[in-house]
Each structure stands twice: as C-alpha cells, then as structure tokens.
Amino acid sequence: MFRTGHLGVALALYAPVGGWLLALQHPTAAVLGGAAVLWTTMLPDWDHRIPFLTHRGATHTLAFAGLLAGSVWAAVGAGAKAANLDAPAVGPLPLSAFAAGIVALALLAHLVADLLTPMGVALLWPLTDRRYSLSVTPADSTAWNYALFALGVFATGAAAYLALDLLVQGG
C-alpha cells in the first residue's frame, strides 16, 4: 500500500478513539492522537532506508509493533519521572499509556493496510515466516489508495459528528 492508503486506514482505525475522546470532552487529546497516528503509521516503511532490513520483514510484524509501543511507554514514563512530572495525562489516560497506545494503533493500521495486498505481511515473525494476505488489491492501485483515504476521512468526520451530537444531546 502507498502512503495515501496507509493514512486512510490509520484514520479509519483511529476514528472511534478520536470520537471517544471528543465525547469525553478531550478535543485536544483527540486531535493530538490523530496527528500522532498519522505521523507514526509510516514507521514500518523506514525499512527502505536501513540497509540490512528487507521490506515487509521485521518492521511489519506484531512483534515490532509491541516492541516499539512498549519502548515508547517506557521512554515516556522515564522522561516524565526524570522531569519530575507528577503523573502527566492526555485526556483520560496517563501520558505513557496514551503514547504507547497511539504508536501501537498506528503500526497495526500499517499492517492492516499491507494485509490488503497480495504480498501481505509476516505478522507472527519470528515465530513463523508465513505471510498473511487478504489479496484485495495491489499496493500500487491508485483507486484503492484514494478510496482507503476517503474511507478514513469519512470515518473521522462521522466519529466527530456523532461525538459532538452526543455532547449536544447530553448537555
């Protein structure tokens, strides 16, 4: 999948989270989370830039997603402690949990988008090299990439509308 498709899948998967944060009256957290998901969803494709890594290898696995999310959780927690911050939060969540959750969601969104292509991904590596694929579309399909982006924009708008409607009705 190309960047446009990845961003669309990331938006679609983040939409319920953003809507939930809006419904809980945390609009800043909703926007920051959405921006962070969009910013980090392409991290697995950095394997193009690292000579010893193969594309859709180790960076396109559940293990990588878990390792990176866990590292972010630990780093943010350690940074907050070193800065003597007393349990910083983003919306209803501790900062470290929010950051780790955003990274995990962004990386999982990347994997979901690549699952749609015939090449697929080796989700369970290093346990197995088996590649999983839904073979819905080739990665370079302009129509599918833009359709996924449109789906993500629509899902984000719908989630925001429903959350704000819920606030108006409840208020």
Protein backbone atom coordinates (compact mmCIF):
# COMPACT_ATOMS: atom_id res chain seq x y z
CA MET A 1 0.00 0.00 0.00
CA PHE A 2 1.18 3.52 -0.68
CA ARG A 3 1.23 6.42 1.81
CA THR A 4 -2.27 7.62 0.88
CA GLY A 5 -3.79 4.21 1.59
CA HIS A 6 -1.85 3.84 4.84
CA LEU A 7 -3.03 7.24 6.04
CA GLY A 8 -6.62 6.34 5.18
CA VAL A 9 -6.52 3.07 7.11
CA ALA A 10 -4.88 4.85 10.06
CA LEU A 11 -7.65 7.47 10.08
CA ALA A 12 -10.36 4.81 9.83
CA LEU A 13 -8.96 2.81 12.73
CA TYR A 14 -8.33 5.90 14.86
CA ALA A 15 -11.79 7.39 14.24
CA PRO A 16 -13.54 5.53 17.10
CA VAL A 17 -10.75 6.51 19.51
CA GLY A 18 -10.90 10.14 18.44
CA GLY A 19 -14.68 10.10 18.69
CA TRP A 20 -14.48 8.60 22.19
CA LEU A 21 -12.03 11.31 23.29
CA LEU A 22 -14.31 14.01 21.84
CA ALA A 23 -17.34 12.51 23.57
CA LEU A 24 -15.41 12.61 26.86
CA GLN A 25 -14.70 16.31 26.17
CA HIS A 26 -11.00 15.92 25.42
CA PRO A 27 -10.75 17.58 21.98
CA THR A 28 -7.05 18.39 22.35
CA ALA A 29 -6.26 14.75 23.08
CA ALA A 30 -8.40 13.68 20.11
CA VAL A 31 -6.58 15.98 17.69
CA LEU A 32 -3.11 15.21 19.11
CA GLY A 33 -3.81 11.48 18.94
CA GLY A 34 -4.98 11.73 15.33
CA ALA A 35 -1.93 13.74 14.33
CA ALA A 36 0.38 11.28 16.09
CA VAL A 37 -1.28 8.28 14.42
CA LEU A 38 -0.81 9.89 11.00
CA TRP A 39 2.79 10.79 11.80
CA THR A 40 3.78 7.32 13.04
CA THR A 41 1.82 5.00 10.75
CA MET A 42 4.59 5.03 8.13
CA LEU A 43 7.35 3.96 10.56
CA PRO A 44 7.41 0.33 9.34
CA ASP A 45 8.38 1.53 5.86
CA TRP A 46 11.59 3.01 7.20
CA ASP A 47 12.93 -0.45 6.42
CA HIS A 48 13.57 1.00 2.93
CA ARG A 49 16.18 3.30 4.49
CA ILE A 50 18.06 0.73 6.59
CA PRO A 51 20.46 -1.38 4.52
CA PHE A 52 20.26 -4.67 6.44
CA LEU A 53 16.46 -4.78 6.62
CA THR A 54 14.19 -6.24 3.97
CA HIS A 55 10.95 -4.51 3.08
CA ARG A 56 7.96 -6.02 4.89
CA GLY A 57 10.29 -8.00 7.09
CA ALA A 58 10.80 -7.49 10.82
CA THR A 59 9.28 -3.98 10.85
CA HIS A 60 5.99 -5.34 9.52
CA THR A 61 5.22 -7.70 12.41
CA LEU A 62 3.19 -7.75 15.59
CA ALA A 63 6.46 -8.21 17.50
CA PHE A 64 7.79 -4.90 16.13
CA ALA A 65 4.53 -3.13 16.98
CA GLY A 66 4.65 -4.48 20.54
CA LEU A 67 8.34 -3.74 20.98
CA LEU A 68 8.04 -0.18 19.72
CA ALA A 69 4.87 0.55 21.72
CA GLY A 70 6.47 -0.89 24.86
CA SER A 71 9.61 1.17 24.27
CA VAL A 72 7.55 4.33 23.87
CA TRP A 73 5.63 3.56 27.07
CA ALA A 74 8.90 3.05 28.99
CA ALA A 75 10.65 6.09 27.48
CA VAL A 76 7.74 8.46 28.08
CA GLY A 77 7.33 7.18 31.63
CA ALA A 78 11.06 7.55 32.34
CA GLY A 79 11.10 11.02 30.76
CA ALA A 80 8.19 12.16 32.89
CA LYS A 81 9.84 10.80 36.02
CA ALA A 82 13.19 12.43 35.14
CA ALA A 83 11.40 15.75 34.60
CA ASN A 84 9.67 15.37 37.99
CA LEU A 85 6.25 15.49 36.37
CA ASP A 86 3.53 14.14 38.63
CA ALA A 87 1.57 11.59 36.55
CA PRO A 88 1.07 13.61 33.35
CA ALA A 89 -2.07 12.72 31.42
CA VAL A 90 -3.51 13.19 27.96
CA GLY A 91 -7.25 13.23 28.22
CA PRO A 92 -8.39 10.38 30.47
CA LEU A 93 -5.14 8.38 30.14
CA PRO A 94 -1.66 8.60 31.60
CA LEU A 95 0.73 10.12 29.05
CA SER A 96 2.81 6.93 28.75
CA ALA A 97 -0.26 4.76 28.09
CA PHE A 98 -1.67 7.27 25.59
CA ALA A 99 1.63 7.49 23.67
CA ALA A 100 2.11 3.71 23.61
CA GLY A 101 -1.49 3.14 22.53
CA ILE A 102 -1.17 5.65 19.69
CA VAL A 103 2.04 4.02 18.44
CA ALA A 104 0.51 0.54 18.66
CA LEU A 105 -2.62 1.65 16.78
CA ALA A 106 -0.56 3.42 14.10
CA LEU A 107 1.66 0.38 13.49
CA LEU A 108 -1.30 -2.00 13.48
CA ALA A 109 -3.02 0.26 10.94
CA HIS A 110 0.05 -0.03 8.73
CA LEU A 111 -0.09 -3.82 8.97
CA VAL A 112 -3.82 -3.87 8.18
CA ALA A 113 -3.23 -1.81 5.04
CA ASP A 114 -0.44 -4.13 3.90
CA LEU A 115 -2.62 -7.18 4.63
CA LEU A 116 -4.88 -5.98 1.81
CA THR A 117 -2.12 -6.53 -0.76
CA PRO A 118 -1.04 -9.84 -2.35
CA MET A 119 2.45 -9.58 -0.80
CA GLY A 120 0.92 -9.45 2.69
CA VAL A 121 2.98 -9.43 5.88
CA ALA A 122 4.65 -11.99 8.15
CA LEU A 123 2.58 -10.93 11.18
CA LEU A 124 3.84 -13.65 13.51
CA TRP A 125 7.56 -13.42 12.72
CA PRO A 126 9.85 -14.56 14.43
CA LEU A 127 7.57 -17.47 15.33
CA THR A 128 6.89 -18.20 11.68
CA ASP A 129 7.78 -16.71 8.30
CA ARG A 130 4.26 -17.37 6.98
CA ARG A 131 2.87 -14.33 5.20
CA TYR A 132 -0.75 -13.34 5.66
CA SER A 133 -2.67 -11.58 2.91
CA LEU A 134 -6.26 -10.80 2.02
CA SER A 135 -5.18 -10.14 -1.60
CA VAL A 136 -7.77 -7.41 -2.09
CA THR A 137 -5.68 -5.03 -4.18
CA PRO A 138 -2.15 -4.47 -5.42
CA ALA A 139 -0.21 -1.95 -3.34
CA ASP A 140 0.13 0.46 -6.25
CA SER A 141 -3.59 0.74 -7.05
CA THR A 142 -4.33 4.46 -7.20
CA ALA A 143 -8.07 3.81 -6.93
CA TRP A 144 -7.74 1.68 -3.78
CA ASN A 145 -5.25 4.01 -2.13
CA TYR A 146 -7.53 7.02 -2.62
CA ALA A 147 -10.63 5.00 -1.69
CA LEU A 148 -9.00 3.99 1.60
CA PHE A 149 -8.05 7.60 2.23
CA ALA A 150 -11.62 8.71 1.53
CA LEU A 151 -12.89 5.99 3.89
CA GLY A 152 -10.57 7.29 6.62
CA VAL A 153 -11.68 10.89 6.15
CA PHE A 154 -15.33 9.82 6.16
CA ALA A 155 -14.88 7.67 9.30
CA THR A 156 -13.12 10.54 11.08
CA GLY A 157 -15.85 13.00 10.15
CA ALA A 158 -18.60 10.58 11.15
CA ALA A 159 -16.96 9.87 14.51
CA ALA A 160 -16.53 13.57 15.21
CA TYR A 161 -20.12 14.32 14.20
CA LEU A 162 -21.52 11.52 16.38
CA ALA A 163 -19.39 12.51 19.36
CA LEU A 164 -20.38 16.16 19.11
CA ASP A 165 -24.04 15.24 18.58
CA LEU A 166 -23.84 13.10 21.71
CA LEU A 167 -22.41 16.04 23.66
CA VAL A 168 -25.16 18.38 22.45
CA GLN A 169 -27.90 15.90 23.35
CA GLY A 170 -26.36 15.15 26.74
CA GLY A 171 -25.69 18.80 27.62
